[in-house]
C-alpha cells in the first residue's frame, strides 16, 4: 500500500457555479510600496555611510564610531530622498486604469453586503424566533 493521497472524488469537487460564487478576483499590484522602498534606501545609506566612516582615515578626536554614525545618517538621508523620488516616479508610471480599479475595489469593500448569501430580514426573524424568551425585568413584566 502507498501513503500517497488518493485523487479527489467527484462528489468532493465543487461545481463551476459554486467556484464562481465563492471566488475572489485577484489584482496585480504594479505600484511600489513606499515604506519598503524608503526603508531600503535608509538601510543602504546607513550601511554605506558606516563603512565609509569606519574604514576611511579620519583626523577627528571623537572616534571612528561617532564619525561612522554621523556619516551613515547623512548617507541615509540622501539615499532615502533618492529612493522616495524613484518610488514617486514609478507610481506616476502606474496606468490610470489600475488606479481606477483600486478605487472601485475600495468602494465595493465599503459597500454593504449584498448577494444571495447576504443576511436579510428572514435571517433576523429566524434568529428572533429561535432565541429564548427574555427574562422579565420588572414585576409588571412578570405578571404578563
N, C-alpha and C. Protein backbone atom coordinates (compact mmCIF):
# COMPACT_ATOMS: atom_id res chain seq x y z
N UNK A 1 0.83 -1.19 0.00
CA UNK A 1 0.00 0.00 0.00
C UNK A 1 0.87 1.24 0.00
N UNK A 2 0.34 2.27 -0.56
CA UNK A 2 1.05 3.53 -0.65
C UNK A 2 0.42 4.55 0.28
N UNK A 3 1.24 5.45 0.80
CA UNK A 3 0.72 6.51 1.65
C UNK A 3 0.30 7.74 0.84
N UNK A 4 0.45 7.67 -0.47
CA UNK A 4 0.09 8.80 -1.31
C UNK A 4 -1.41 9.04 -1.24
N UNK A 5 -1.81 10.30 -1.20
CA UNK A 5 -3.25 10.58 -1.14
C UNK A 5 -3.94 10.16 -2.43
N UNK A 6 -5.15 9.70 -2.30
CA UNK A 6 -5.93 9.30 -3.46
C UNK A 6 -6.44 10.55 -4.16
N UNK A 7 -6.76 10.42 -5.44
CA UNK A 7 -7.31 11.54 -6.20
C UNK A 7 -8.64 11.98 -5.60
N UNK A 8 -9.01 13.21 -5.88
CA UNK A 8 -10.26 13.72 -5.32
C UNK A 8 -11.44 12.99 -5.95
N UNK A 9 -12.40 12.72 -5.13
CA UNK A 9 -13.61 12.05 -5.61
C UNK A 9 -14.52 13.07 -6.24
N UNK A 10 -15.30 12.68 -7.24
CA UNK A 10 -16.18 13.63 -7.93
C UNK A 10 -17.16 14.33 -6.99
N UNK A 11 -17.60 13.67 -5.93
CA UNK A 11 -18.55 14.32 -5.03
C UNK A 11 -17.89 15.39 -4.16
N UNK A 12 -16.54 15.33 -4.04
CA UNK A 12 -15.82 16.35 -3.26
C UNK A 12 -15.51 17.59 -4.08
N UNK A 13 -15.55 17.48 -5.39
CA UNK A 13 -15.19 18.59 -6.27
C UNK A 13 -16.37 19.53 -6.42
N UNK A 14 -16.19 20.83 -6.10
CA UNK A 14 -17.30 21.78 -6.25
C UNK A 14 -17.60 22.05 -7.72
N UNK A 15 -18.82 22.44 -8.00
CA UNK A 15 -19.22 22.73 -9.37
C UNK A 15 -18.64 24.09 -9.79
N UNK A 16 -18.71 24.36 -11.08
CA UNK A 16 -18.20 25.61 -11.62
C UNK A 16 -18.98 26.79 -11.04
N UNK A 17 -20.29 26.62 -10.89
CA UNK A 17 -21.13 27.69 -10.33
C UNK A 17 -20.72 28.00 -8.89
N UNK A 18 -20.45 26.95 -8.12
CA UNK A 18 -20.03 27.14 -6.72
C UNK A 18 -18.68 27.85 -6.66
N UNK A 19 -17.76 27.47 -7.54
CA UNK A 19 -16.45 28.12 -7.57
C UNK A 19 -16.57 29.58 -7.97
N UNK A 20 -17.43 29.90 -8.95
CA UNK A 20 -17.62 31.29 -9.34
C UNK A 20 -18.26 32.11 -8.23
N UNK A 21 -19.12 31.47 -7.44
CA UNK A 21 -19.80 32.18 -6.36
C UNK A 21 -18.84 32.54 -5.23
N UNK A 22 -17.92 31.64 -4.91
CA UNK A 22 -17.05 31.87 -3.75
C UNK A 22 -15.70 32.46 -4.13
N UNK A 23 -15.41 32.61 -5.43
CA UNK A 23 -14.10 33.10 -5.84
C UNK A 23 -13.97 34.60 -5.57
N UNK A 24 -12.74 35.01 -5.34
CA UNK A 24 -12.42 36.42 -5.12
C UNK A 24 -11.47 36.83 -6.25
N UNK A 25 -11.84 37.85 -7.02
CA UNK A 25 -10.96 38.25 -8.13
C UNK A 25 -9.63 38.79 -7.61
N UNK A 26 -8.56 38.41 -8.26
CA UNK A 26 -7.21 38.84 -7.87
C UNK A 26 -6.80 40.07 -8.67
N UNK A 27 -5.99 40.89 -8.03
CA UNK A 27 -5.43 42.04 -8.71
C UNK A 27 -3.91 42.01 -8.55
N UNK A 28 -3.21 42.50 -9.56
CA UNK A 28 -1.77 42.57 -9.51
C UNK A 28 -1.38 43.98 -9.13
N UNK A 29 -0.56 44.08 -8.10
CA UNK A 29 -0.12 45.40 -7.65
C UNK A 29 1.07 45.82 -8.49
N UNK A 30 0.94 46.94 -9.18
CA UNK A 30 2.02 47.44 -10.01
C UNK A 30 2.67 48.68 -9.41
N UNK A 31 2.07 49.26 -8.41
CA UNK A 31 2.62 50.46 -7.77
C UNK A 31 3.63 50.03 -6.70
N UNK A 32 4.66 50.84 -6.49
CA UNK A 32 5.66 50.49 -5.47
C UNK A 32 5.09 50.66 -4.06
N UNK A 33 5.62 49.90 -3.13
CA UNK A 33 5.27 50.06 -1.72
C UNK A 33 6.25 51.07 -1.14
N UNK A 34 5.74 52.26 -0.85
CA UNK A 34 6.61 53.38 -0.48
C UNK A 34 7.43 53.09 0.76
N UNK A 35 6.84 52.50 1.78
CA UNK A 35 7.57 52.24 3.01
C UNK A 35 8.74 51.31 2.80
N UNK A 36 8.53 50.28 1.99
CA UNK A 36 9.61 49.32 1.75
C UNK A 36 10.72 49.94 0.91
N UNK A 37 10.34 50.73 -0.09
CA UNK A 37 11.35 51.37 -0.94
C UNK A 37 12.18 52.34 -0.11
N UNK A 38 11.53 53.15 0.71
CA UNK A 38 12.26 54.14 1.50
C UNK A 38 13.06 53.46 2.62
N UNK A 39 12.54 52.39 3.18
CA UNK A 39 13.29 51.64 4.19
C UNK A 39 14.56 51.04 3.60
N UNK A 40 14.46 50.56 2.37
CA UNK A 40 15.65 50.05 1.70
C UNK A 40 16.66 51.17 1.47
N UNK A 41 16.16 52.35 1.12
CA UNK A 41 17.06 53.49 0.94
C UNK A 41 17.79 53.85 2.22
N UNK A 42 17.08 53.83 3.34
CA UNK A 42 17.71 54.12 4.63
C UNK A 42 18.77 53.08 4.96
N UNK A 43 18.42 51.80 4.76
CA UNK A 43 19.37 50.72 5.10
C UNK A 43 20.63 50.81 4.24
N UNK A 44 20.46 51.01 2.95
CA UNK A 44 21.62 51.09 2.06
C UNK A 44 22.50 52.29 2.43
N UNK A 45 21.88 53.43 2.66
CA UNK A 45 22.65 54.63 3.02
C UNK A 45 23.36 54.48 4.35
N UNK A 46 22.69 53.90 5.33
CA UNK A 46 23.30 53.74 6.65
C UNK A 46 24.49 52.79 6.59
N UNK A 47 24.32 51.70 5.88
CA UNK A 47 25.43 50.74 5.77
C UNK A 47 26.60 51.36 5.01
N UNK A 48 26.32 52.02 3.89
CA UNK A 48 27.40 52.65 3.11
C UNK A 48 28.10 53.73 3.93
N UNK A 49 27.34 54.53 4.64
CA UNK A 49 27.95 55.60 5.44
C UNK A 49 28.76 55.05 6.60
N UNK A 50 28.24 54.01 7.26
CA UNK A 50 29.00 53.41 8.35
C UNK A 50 30.33 52.85 7.85
N UNK A 51 30.27 52.15 6.71
CA UNK A 51 31.51 51.59 6.16
C UNK A 51 32.50 52.70 5.80
N UNK A 52 32.02 53.76 5.17
CA UNK A 52 32.91 54.88 4.82
C UNK A 52 33.48 55.53 6.08
N UNK A 53 32.64 55.75 7.07
CA UNK A 53 33.10 56.41 8.29
C UNK A 53 34.04 55.56 9.11
N UNK A 54 33.85 54.25 9.10
CA UNK A 54 34.70 53.38 9.90
C UNK A 54 35.99 53.00 9.19
N UNK A 55 35.96 52.84 7.88
CA UNK A 55 37.14 52.34 7.16
C UNK A 55 38.06 53.43 6.65
N UNK A 56 37.52 54.58 6.30
CA UNK A 56 38.38 55.65 5.79
C UNK A 56 39.09 56.35 6.95
N UNK A 57 40.28 56.85 6.70
CA UNK A 57 41.02 57.52 7.79
C UNK A 57 40.35 58.85 8.16
N UNK A 58 40.36 59.16 9.45
CA UNK A 58 39.83 60.44 9.90
C UNK A 58 40.81 61.07 10.89
N UNK A 59 40.71 62.36 11.01
CA UNK A 59 41.65 63.06 11.89
C UNK A 59 40.91 63.76 13.04
N UNK A 60 39.72 63.29 13.36
CA UNK A 60 38.98 63.91 14.45
C UNK A 60 39.29 63.19 15.75
N UNK A 61 39.00 63.84 16.82
CA UNK A 61 39.27 63.24 18.12
C UNK A 61 38.05 62.57 18.74
N UNK A 62 36.94 62.46 18.02
CA UNK A 62 35.72 61.89 18.60
C UNK A 62 35.62 60.39 18.44
N UNK A 63 36.42 59.80 17.60
CA UNK A 63 36.40 58.35 17.44
C UNK A 63 35.74 57.92 16.13
N UNK A 64 36.13 56.73 15.73
CA UNK A 64 35.64 56.22 14.45
C UNK A 64 34.15 55.90 14.48
N UNK A 65 33.64 55.39 15.59
CA UNK A 65 32.22 55.01 15.66
C UNK A 65 31.32 56.23 15.53
N UNK A 66 31.68 57.31 16.19
CA UNK A 66 30.87 58.53 16.10
C UNK A 66 30.90 59.09 14.67
N UNK A 67 32.05 59.09 14.07
CA UNK A 67 32.16 59.56 12.69
C UNK A 67 31.36 58.64 11.77
N UNK A 68 31.44 57.35 11.99
CA UNK A 68 30.69 56.39 11.17
C UNK A 68 29.19 56.59 11.29
N UNK A 69 28.71 56.85 12.51
CA UNK A 69 27.26 57.09 12.69
C UNK A 69 26.80 58.37 12.02
N UNK A 70 27.61 59.43 12.16
CA UNK A 70 27.22 60.71 11.55
C UNK A 70 27.24 60.62 10.03
N UNK A 71 28.27 60.02 9.48
CA UNK A 71 28.35 59.86 8.03
C UNK A 71 27.24 58.91 7.55
N UNK A 72 26.98 57.86 8.32
CA UNK A 72 25.91 56.92 7.97
C UNK A 72 24.54 57.58 7.95
N UNK A 73 24.26 58.42 8.95
CA UNK A 73 22.99 59.13 8.97
C UNK A 73 22.88 60.12 7.81
N UNK A 74 23.97 60.76 7.46
CA UNK A 74 23.96 61.67 6.31
C UNK A 74 23.70 60.92 5.01
N UNK A 75 24.38 59.78 4.84
CA UNK A 75 24.14 58.97 3.64
C UNK A 75 22.70 58.45 3.63
N UNK A 76 22.19 58.06 4.78
CA UNK A 76 20.81 57.56 4.85
C UNK A 76 19.82 58.63 4.43
N UNK A 77 20.06 59.86 4.84
CA UNK A 77 19.18 60.96 4.45
C UNK A 77 19.18 61.17 2.94
N UNK A 78 20.36 61.10 2.35
CA UNK A 78 20.46 61.27 0.89
C UNK A 78 19.80 60.10 0.16
N UNK A 79 20.08 58.88 0.58
CA UNK A 79 19.55 57.72 -0.15
C UNK A 79 18.04 57.56 0.05
N UNK A 80 17.50 57.94 1.21
CA UNK A 80 16.05 57.84 1.38
C UNK A 80 15.35 58.87 0.49
N UNK A 81 15.98 60.02 0.31
CA UNK A 81 15.41 61.03 -0.61
C UNK A 81 15.42 60.51 -2.04
N UNK A 82 16.52 59.92 -2.45
CA UNK A 82 16.61 59.36 -3.80
C UNK A 82 15.60 58.22 -3.98
N UNK A 83 15.50 57.34 -2.98
CA UNK A 83 14.55 56.22 -3.07
C UNK A 83 13.11 56.73 -3.13
N UNK A 84 12.80 57.78 -2.38
CA UNK A 84 11.46 58.36 -2.42
C UNK A 84 11.14 58.94 -3.78
N UNK A 85 12.10 59.62 -4.39
CA UNK A 85 11.89 60.17 -5.73
C UNK A 85 11.69 59.06 -6.75
N UNK A 86 12.45 57.98 -6.62
CA UNK A 86 12.28 56.85 -7.53
C UNK A 86 10.89 56.23 -7.35
N UNK A 87 10.45 56.07 -6.10
CA UNK A 87 9.13 55.47 -5.84
C UNK A 87 8.01 56.35 -6.41
N UNK A 88 8.14 57.66 -6.25
CA UNK A 88 7.11 58.56 -6.79
C UNK A 88 7.09 58.49 -8.31
N UNK A 89 8.26 58.43 -8.93
CA UNK A 89 8.29 58.35 -10.40
C UNK A 89 7.71 57.01 -10.87
N UNK A 90 7.95 55.93 -10.15
CA UNK A 90 7.36 54.64 -10.51
C UNK A 90 5.85 54.65 -10.31
N UNK A 91 5.39 55.33 -9.27
CA UNK A 91 3.95 55.39 -9.02
C UNK A 91 3.25 56.22 -10.08
N UNK A 92 3.89 57.25 -10.55
CA UNK A 92 3.28 58.06 -11.62
C UNK A 92 3.20 57.27 -12.91
N UNK A 93 4.06 56.27 -13.06
CA UNK A 93 4.03 55.43 -14.25
C UNK A 93 2.95 54.37 -14.19
N UNK A 94 2.29 54.22 -13.05
CA UNK A 94 1.22 53.24 -12.93
C UNK A 94 0.05 53.68 -13.81
N UNK A 95 -0.46 52.79 -14.64
CA UNK A 95 -1.56 53.17 -15.53
C UNK A 95 -2.79 53.65 -14.75
N UNK A 96 -3.50 54.57 -15.33
CA UNK A 96 -4.68 55.14 -14.67
C UNK A 96 -5.77 54.10 -14.46
N UNK A 97 -5.89 53.13 -15.37
CA UNK A 97 -6.94 52.13 -15.20
C UNK A 97 -6.68 51.25 -13.99
N UNK A 98 -5.42 51.07 -13.62
CA UNK A 98 -5.12 50.29 -12.42
C UNK A 98 -5.53 51.09 -11.18
N UNK A 99 -5.26 52.40 -11.17
CA UNK A 99 -5.66 53.23 -10.04
C UNK A 99 -7.18 53.29 -9.94
N UNK A 100 -7.87 53.37 -11.08
CA UNK A 100 -9.34 53.39 -11.08
C UNK A 100 -9.89 52.07 -10.55
N UNK A 101 -9.26 50.96 -10.91
CA UNK A 101 -9.70 49.65 -10.41
C UNK A 101 -9.52 49.57 -8.90
N UNK A 102 -8.43 50.14 -8.38
CA UNK A 102 -8.22 50.15 -6.92
C UNK A 102 -9.30 50.94 -6.22
N UNK A 103 -9.66 52.09 -6.80
CA UNK A 103 -10.71 52.91 -6.19
C UNK A 103 -12.05 52.18 -6.21
N UNK A 104 -12.36 51.50 -7.32
CA UNK A 104 -13.62 50.72 -7.37
C UNK A 104 -13.60 49.60 -6.35
N UNK A 105 -12.46 48.96 -6.19
CA UNK A 105 -12.35 47.86 -5.23
C UNK A 105 -12.53 48.37 -3.80
N UNK A 106 -11.96 49.53 -3.51
CA UNK A 106 -12.12 50.10 -2.17
C UNK A 106 -13.58 50.49 -1.93
N UNK A 107 -14.25 51.01 -2.96
CA UNK A 107 -15.65 51.40 -2.81
C UNK A 107 -16.53 50.17 -2.62
N UNK A 108 -16.23 49.08 -3.33
CA UNK A 108 -17.05 47.88 -3.18
C UNK A 108 -16.80 47.21 -1.83
N UNK A 109 -15.60 47.37 -1.28
CA UNK A 109 -15.30 46.78 0.02
C UNK A 109 -16.06 47.51 1.14
N UNK A 110 -16.31 48.80 0.94
CA UNK A 110 -17.03 49.55 1.97
C UNK A 110 -18.53 49.51 1.77
N UNK A 111 -19.00 48.97 0.64
CA UNK A 111 -20.44 48.88 0.38
C UNK A 111 -21.05 47.79 1.25
N UNK A 112 -22.33 47.91 1.57
CA UNK A 112 -22.97 46.87 2.37
C UNK A 112 -22.99 45.55 1.62
N UNK A 113 -23.06 44.48 2.38
CA UNK A 113 -23.02 43.13 1.84
C UNK A 113 -24.29 42.84 1.08
N UNK A 114 -24.15 42.45 -0.17
CA UNK A 114 -25.31 42.10 -0.99
C UNK A 114 -25.05 40.78 -1.66
N UNK A 115 -26.06 40.20 -2.20
CA UNK A 115 -25.91 38.94 -2.92
C UNK A 115 -26.81 37.87 -2.35
N UNK A 116 -26.70 36.65 -2.90
CA UNK A 116 -27.61 35.58 -2.47
C UNK A 116 -27.39 35.13 -1.03
N UNK A 117 -26.17 35.30 -0.52
CA UNK A 117 -25.89 34.85 0.85
C UNK A 117 -25.93 35.99 1.86
N UNK A 118 -26.36 37.16 1.46
CA UNK A 118 -26.38 38.30 2.37
C UNK A 118 -27.45 38.08 3.43
N UNK A 119 -27.13 38.42 4.66
CA UNK A 119 -28.14 38.28 5.71
C UNK A 119 -29.25 39.29 5.49
N UNK A 120 -30.45 38.86 5.67
CA UNK A 120 -31.59 39.74 5.45
C UNK A 120 -32.58 39.65 6.59
N UNK A 121 -33.76 40.14 6.34
CA UNK A 121 -34.81 40.15 7.36
C UNK A 121 -35.23 38.73 7.73
N UNK A 122 -35.19 37.81 6.77
CA UNK A 122 -35.58 36.43 7.06
C UNK A 122 -34.63 35.82 8.09
N UNK A 123 -33.33 36.12 7.97
CA UNK A 123 -32.37 35.61 8.95
C UNK A 123 -32.61 36.22 10.32
N UNK A 124 -32.91 37.50 10.36
CA UNK A 124 -33.17 38.15 11.64
C UNK A 124 -34.41 37.58 12.31
N UNK A 125 -35.47 37.32 11.50
CA UNK A 125 -36.68 36.73 12.07
C UNK A 125 -36.43 35.34 12.60
N UNK A 126 -35.66 34.55 11.86
CA UNK A 126 -35.35 33.19 12.30
C UNK A 126 -34.55 33.23 13.60
N UNK A 127 -33.66 34.17 13.73
CA UNK A 127 -32.88 34.30 14.96
C UNK A 127 -33.77 34.68 16.12
N UNK A 128 -34.67 35.63 15.90
CA UNK A 128 -35.58 36.03 16.98
C UNK A 128 -36.50 34.89 17.38
N UNK A 129 -36.95 34.11 16.40
CA UNK A 129 -37.88 33.01 16.70
C UNK A 129 -37.19 31.90 17.48
N UNK A 130 -35.90 31.67 17.20
CA UNK A 130 -35.21 30.59 17.89
C UNK A 130 -34.59 31.04 19.20
N UNK A 131 -34.57 32.33 19.48
CA UNK A 131 -33.97 32.84 20.72
C UNK A 131 -34.89 32.54 21.90
N UNK A 132 -34.32 32.24 23.05
CA UNK A 132 -35.16 32.01 24.23
C UNK A 132 -35.82 33.32 24.67
N UNK A 133 -36.97 33.22 25.31
CA UNK A 133 -37.64 34.45 25.73
C UNK A 133 -36.79 35.19 26.76
N UNK A 134 -36.87 36.49 26.71
CA UNK A 134 -36.09 37.32 27.63
C UNK A 134 -36.67 37.21 29.03
N UNK A 135 -35.80 37.30 30.01
CA UNK A 135 -36.24 37.25 31.40
C UNK A 135 -36.96 38.55 31.74
N UNK A 136 -38.02 38.48 32.53
CA UNK A 136 -38.73 39.70 32.90
C UNK A 136 -37.84 40.60 33.75
N UNK A 137 -37.91 41.91 33.48
CA UNK A 137 -37.04 42.83 34.17
C UNK A 137 -37.79 43.61 35.27
N UNK A 138 -39.10 43.66 35.21
CA UNK A 138 -39.90 44.40 36.22
C UNK A 138 -41.01 43.50 36.71
N UNK A 139 -41.60 43.82 37.86
CA UNK A 139 -42.71 43.00 38.37
C UNK A 139 -43.91 43.01 37.43
N UNK A 140 -44.13 44.10 36.69
CA UNK A 140 -45.25 44.14 35.75
C UNK A 140 -45.05 43.14 34.61
N UNK A 141 -43.78 42.98 34.18
CA UNK A 141 -43.49 42.03 33.11
C UNK A 141 -43.70 40.61 33.59
N UNK A 142 -43.47 40.33 34.88
CA UNK A 142 -43.65 39.00 35.41
C UNK A 142 -45.12 38.59 35.39
N UNK A 143 -46.03 39.55 35.56
CA UNK A 143 -47.44 39.23 35.56
C UNK A 143 -47.93 38.89 34.17
N UNK A 144 -47.31 39.36 33.15
CA UNK A 144 -47.77 39.10 31.77
C UNK A 144 -47.45 37.75 31.39
